[in-house]
Every structure is written in structure tokens, then in C-alpha cells.
Amino acid sequence: IIQRCQQNSSGFPVNPEARTGFEIREEYCKFDNGKQFLKYDLGIEVEQRILVLASECALQDIASYHHWACDGTFKIVLEQWFQLFSIHVQVKGSSFP
């Protein structure tokens, strides 16, 4: 309840109750510089909805570097989203998501 009140007073949208039936506002699909952040949305009414979020720089890194690590977590995402899956690229001994 506290989180929802804070979201409402801050201007952020309330967390959706399901993966379906809502559009992501344009301001959350792009970075502050106007470049696209939401690369793919499987569909508003698709029950197993998948969102792909990435910067162009991150996609270039994935294409350029040969050492990747993938991580899937269930604990930090809202229940209706099920899983957060991230790809990390190793650059000069450091890993970046």
C-alpha cells in the first residue's frame, strides 16, 4: 500500500496487476536522449508477454565481444512478470549487463 501511494504521488504509474492489457507510456520506452530503450514488446494482449530492453551500445557490445554470461532471477521482479533475464558482456575482465 505504501509503495502504491508513493507511486501515485510521485507521478510514476501504478504497477500493473497483469502482464496484459496495458500500454507502456512513450516516456518509459526511451532514454532521456530520445534513443529507444524498449526494443521489443511481444504484445499488449499476449499472456506470456516478453519485453526486451536495451541500449544500442549494449547491443553492439553483445555483437562485438565473445564472452557473455546470462542470468535469470525470479526474486526481484513483480510476481506477474515471473523472471528477469539479463545478458552480461565481459570487457577487459569486467562484466557489464
Protein backbone atom coordinates (compact mmCIF):
# COMPACT_ATOMS: atom_id res chain seq x y z
CA ILE A 1 0.00 0.00 0.00
CA ILE A 2 2.80 2.43 0.87
CA GLN A 3 4.57 1.72 -2.42
CA ARG A 4 1.37 2.35 -4.39
CA CYS A 5 0.73 5.64 -2.56
CA GLN A 6 4.28 6.76 -3.22
CA GLN A 7 3.96 5.85 -6.88
CA ASN A 8 0.74 7.81 -7.24
CA SER A 9 2.08 10.93 -5.55
CA SER A 10 5.37 10.82 -7.48
CA GLY A 11 3.71 10.65 -10.89
CA PHE A 12 5.00 7.15 -11.66
CA PRO A 13 2.39 4.70 -12.93
CA VAL A 14 0.97 2.15 -10.52
CA ASN A 15 2.38 -1.35 -11.01
CA PRO A 16 0.11 -3.32 -13.35
CA GLU A 17 -1.85 -6.25 -11.97
CA ALA A 18 -1.06 -8.41 -15.01
CA ARG A 19 1.34 -8.54 -17.95
CA THR A 20 -1.52 -7.91 -20.35
CA GLY A 21 -3.93 -5.10 -21.01
CA PHE A 22 -1.72 -2.04 -20.63
CA GLU A 23 0.50 0.04 -22.87
CA ILE A 24 3.89 1.28 -21.78
CA ARG A 25 3.93 5.05 -21.90
CA GLU A 26 6.28 6.52 -24.51
CA GLU A 27 8.39 8.28 -21.88
CA TYR A 28 9.34 4.85 -20.46
CA CYS A 29 10.25 3.44 -23.90
CA LYS A 30 13.13 5.86 -24.49
CA PHE A 31 16.21 7.16 -22.76
CA ASP A 32 16.44 10.85 -21.82
CA ASN A 33 18.41 11.45 -25.04
CA GLY A 34 15.44 10.16 -27.09
CA LYS A 35 17.02 6.86 -28.13
CA GLN A 36 14.83 3.78 -27.94
CA PHE A 37 15.09 1.66 -24.75
CA LEU A 38 12.15 -0.71 -25.31
CA LYS A 39 13.39 -2.78 -28.25
CA TYR A 40 10.60 -5.34 -28.37
CA ASP A 41 7.19 -5.97 -26.83
CA LEU A 42 5.59 -9.32 -27.67
CA GLY A 43 2.15 -7.71 -27.44
CA ILE A 44 -0.24 -5.96 -25.10
CA GLU A 45 -2.72 -8.85 -25.03
CA VAL A 46 -0.21 -11.74 -25.11
CA GLU A 47 -0.47 -13.68 -21.84
CA GLN A 48 3.22 -14.72 -21.91
CA ARG A 49 4.30 -11.13 -22.66
CA ILE A 50 8.02 -10.51 -23.07
CA LEU A 51 9.73 -7.12 -23.05
CA VAL A 52 13.25 -6.58 -24.40
CA LEU A 53 15.04 -3.53 -23.01
CA ALA A 54 18.49 -2.49 -24.26
CA SER A 55 20.62 0.38 -25.42
CA GLU A 56 22.23 0.41 -28.87
CA CYS A 57 25.62 0.43 -27.14
CA ALA A 58 24.75 -2.74 -25.22
CA LEU A 59 23.58 -4.48 -28.39
CA GLN A 60 26.82 -3.50 -30.14
CA ASP A 61 28.80 -4.92 -27.21
CA ILE A 62 26.90 -8.21 -27.43
CA ALA A 63 27.70 -8.38 -31.14
CA SER A 64 31.38 -7.44 -30.64
CA TYR A 65 32.52 -9.42 -27.61
CA HIS A 66 32.79 -13.19 -27.44
CA HIS A 67 32.41 -13.73 -23.69
CA TRP A 68 28.87 -13.48 -22.37
CA ALA A 69 27.18 -14.58 -19.20
CA CYS A 70 23.43 -14.90 -18.77
CA ASP A 71 21.50 -14.57 -15.55
CA GLY A 72 17.86 -15.25 -14.79
CA THR A 73 16.38 -14.19 -11.48
CA PHE A 74 12.92 -14.58 -10.02
CA LYS A 75 13.28 -12.80 -6.68
CA ILE A 76 13.44 -9.12 -7.67
CA VAL A 77 10.65 -8.93 -10.23
CA LEU A 78 6.97 -8.37 -9.63
CA GLU A 79 5.07 -11.65 -9.40
CA GLN A 80 3.20 -11.13 -12.66
CA TRP A 81 6.45 -10.75 -14.63
CA PHE A 82 7.87 -14.08 -13.43
CA GLN A 83 11.54 -13.60 -14.39
CA LEU A 84 14.20 -11.03 -15.23
CA PHE A 85 16.76 -12.38 -17.70
CA SER A 86 19.92 -10.40 -18.38
CA ILE A 87 22.93 -10.82 -20.64
CA HIS A 88 26.30 -9.65 -19.34
CA VAL A 89 29.28 -8.99 -21.60
CA GLN A 90 32.85 -9.39 -20.38
CA VAL A 91 35.03 -6.44 -21.40
CA LYS A 92 38.68 -6.34 -20.28
CA GLY A 93 38.00 -8.63 -17.32
CA SER A 94 34.87 -6.82 -16.11
CA SER A 95 31.28 -7.91 -16.63
CA PHE A 96 28.59 -5.43 -17.73
CA PRO A 97 24.85 -6.06 -18.12
